[in-house]
Amino acid sequence: MNCLDIIGEYYECGSRLYEILIQHGENVAKKALNATKNVSHLNPDL
């Protein structure tokens, strides 16, 4: 299932809240990927 479809069930696509939620999710994902650089010796599953 597509995560955007799920979000679209609860937030109107294109609304300000929808855009804030999507942007927040993208920022969290980027931060998580950057954090893996500090623990590369643990072989994170990317």
N, C-alpha and C. Protein backbone atom coordinates (compact mmCIF):
# COMPACT_ATOMS: atom_id res chain seq x y z
N MET A 1 0.84 -1.17 0.00
CA MET A 1 0.00 0.00 0.00
C MET A 1 0.89 1.25 0.00
N ASN A 2 0.47 2.24 -0.72
CA ASN A 2 1.21 3.49 -0.84
C ASN A 2 0.92 4.38 0.36
N CYS A 3 1.97 4.86 1.00
CA CYS A 3 1.78 5.70 2.19
C CYS A 3 1.04 6.99 1.87
N LEU A 4 1.23 7.53 0.67
CA LEU A 4 0.52 8.76 0.30
C LEU A 4 -0.98 8.51 0.16
N ASP A 5 -1.37 7.32 -0.24
CA ASP A 5 -2.79 6.98 -0.30
C ASP A 5 -3.40 6.97 1.10
N ILE A 6 -2.67 6.43 2.05
CA ILE A 6 -3.16 6.39 3.43
C ILE A 6 -3.30 7.80 3.98
N ILE A 7 -2.27 8.62 3.78
CA ILE A 7 -2.32 10.00 4.26
C ILE A 7 -3.47 10.74 3.59
N GLY A 8 -3.69 10.47 2.31
CA GLY A 8 -4.77 11.11 1.56
C GLY A 8 -6.16 10.78 2.09
N GLU A 9 -6.29 9.67 2.80
CA GLU A 9 -7.58 9.32 3.39
C GLU A 9 -7.93 10.24 4.56
N TYR A 10 -6.93 10.81 5.19
CA TYR A 10 -7.14 11.60 6.39
C TYR A 10 -6.87 13.09 6.20
N TYR A 11 -6.10 13.43 5.18
CA TYR A 11 -5.78 14.83 4.91
C TYR A 11 -6.11 15.12 3.45
N GLU A 12 -6.71 16.27 3.20
CA GLU A 12 -7.05 16.65 1.84
C GLU A 12 -5.77 16.91 1.05
N CYS A 13 -5.62 16.20 -0.04
CA CYS A 13 -4.44 16.33 -0.88
C CYS A 13 -4.30 17.79 -1.34
N GLY A 14 -3.11 18.34 -1.14
CA GLY A 14 -2.86 19.72 -1.54
C GLY A 14 -3.15 20.75 -0.46
N SER A 15 -3.78 20.31 0.64
CA SER A 15 -4.07 21.26 1.72
C SER A 15 -2.77 21.62 2.44
N ARG A 16 -2.82 22.69 3.20
CA ARG A 16 -1.63 23.13 3.93
C ARG A 16 -1.17 22.05 4.91
N LEU A 17 -2.10 21.43 5.62
CA LEU A 17 -1.73 20.38 6.57
C LEU A 17 -1.10 19.19 5.88
N TYR A 18 -1.65 18.82 4.74
CA TYR A 18 -1.09 17.71 3.96
C TYR A 18 0.35 18.01 3.58
N GLU A 19 0.58 19.21 3.07
CA GLU A 19 1.92 19.59 2.63
C GLU A 19 2.90 19.63 3.81
N ILE A 20 2.44 20.12 4.97
CA ILE A 20 3.29 20.15 6.16
C ILE A 20 3.66 18.73 6.56
N LEU A 21 2.69 17.83 6.56
CA LEU A 21 2.95 16.44 6.95
C LEU A 21 3.93 15.77 6.00
N ILE A 22 3.76 15.97 4.71
CA ILE A 22 4.65 15.36 3.72
C ILE A 22 6.07 15.91 3.87
N GLN A 23 6.18 17.23 4.03
CA GLN A 23 7.50 17.85 4.19
C GLN A 23 8.18 17.35 5.46
N HIS A 24 7.41 17.24 6.53
CA HIS A 24 7.96 16.73 7.79
C HIS A 24 8.49 15.31 7.60
N GLY A 25 7.72 14.47 6.94
CA GLY A 25 8.15 13.09 6.70
C GLY A 25 9.44 13.03 5.90
N GLU A 26 9.54 13.87 4.89
CA GLU A 26 10.76 13.91 4.07
C GLU A 26 11.95 14.37 4.90
N ASN A 27 11.74 15.37 5.76
CA ASN A 27 12.82 15.86 6.62
C ASN A 27 13.28 14.80 7.60
N VAL A 28 12.35 14.07 8.18
CA VAL A 28 12.69 12.99 9.12
C VAL A 28 13.49 11.91 8.40
N ALA A 29 13.06 11.54 7.20
CA ALA A 29 13.77 10.51 6.44
C ALA A 29 15.20 10.95 6.12
N LYS A 30 15.38 12.20 5.71
CA LYS A 30 16.72 12.71 5.42
C LYS A 30 17.60 12.69 6.66
N LYS A 31 17.03 13.12 7.78
CA LYS A 31 17.80 13.14 9.03
C LYS A 31 18.21 11.73 9.44
N ALA A 32 17.30 10.78 9.28
CA ALA A 32 17.60 9.39 9.63
C ALA A 32 18.72 8.84 8.75
N LEU A 33 18.66 9.14 7.46
CA LEU A 33 19.71 8.67 6.56
C LEU A 33 21.05 9.31 6.89
N ASN A 34 21.04 10.59 7.24
CA ASN A 34 22.29 11.25 7.64
C ASN A 34 22.84 10.65 8.93
N ALA A 35 21.97 10.27 9.84
CA ALA A 35 22.41 9.68 11.11
C ALA A 35 23.13 8.36 10.88
N THR A 36 22.78 7.65 9.83
CA THR A 36 23.44 6.36 9.57
C THR A 36 24.91 6.53 9.25
N LYS A 37 25.30 7.71 8.80
CA LYS A 37 26.71 7.96 8.50
C LYS A 37 27.57 7.87 9.75
N ASN A 38 26.97 8.18 10.90
CA ASN A 38 27.71 8.15 12.17
C ASN A 38 27.84 6.74 12.73
N VAL A 39 27.07 5.81 12.21
CA VAL A 39 27.11 4.44 12.73
C VAL A 39 27.33 3.43 11.60
N SER A 40 28.07 3.84 10.60
CA SER A 40 28.29 2.95 9.45
C SER A 40 28.95 1.64 9.86
N HIS A 41 29.70 1.67 10.96
CA HIS A 41 30.35 0.44 11.45
C HIS A 41 29.33 -0.60 11.94
N LEU A 42 28.10 -0.18 12.17
CA LEU A 42 27.04 -1.10 12.59
C LEU A 42 26.30 -1.71 11.39
N ASN A 43 26.70 -1.33 10.19
CA ASN A 43 26.08 -1.82 8.95
C ASN A 43 24.56 -1.65 8.96
N PRO A 44 24.07 -0.40 9.05
CA PRO A 44 22.63 -0.18 9.07
C PRO A 44 21.97 -0.70 7.79
N ASP A 45 20.79 -1.25 7.94
CA ASP A 45 20.03 -1.80 6.82
C ASP A 45 19.30 -0.66 6.13
N LEU A 46 19.86 -0.20 5.04
CA LEU A 46 19.26 0.91 4.30
C LEU A 46 18.49 0.35 3.14
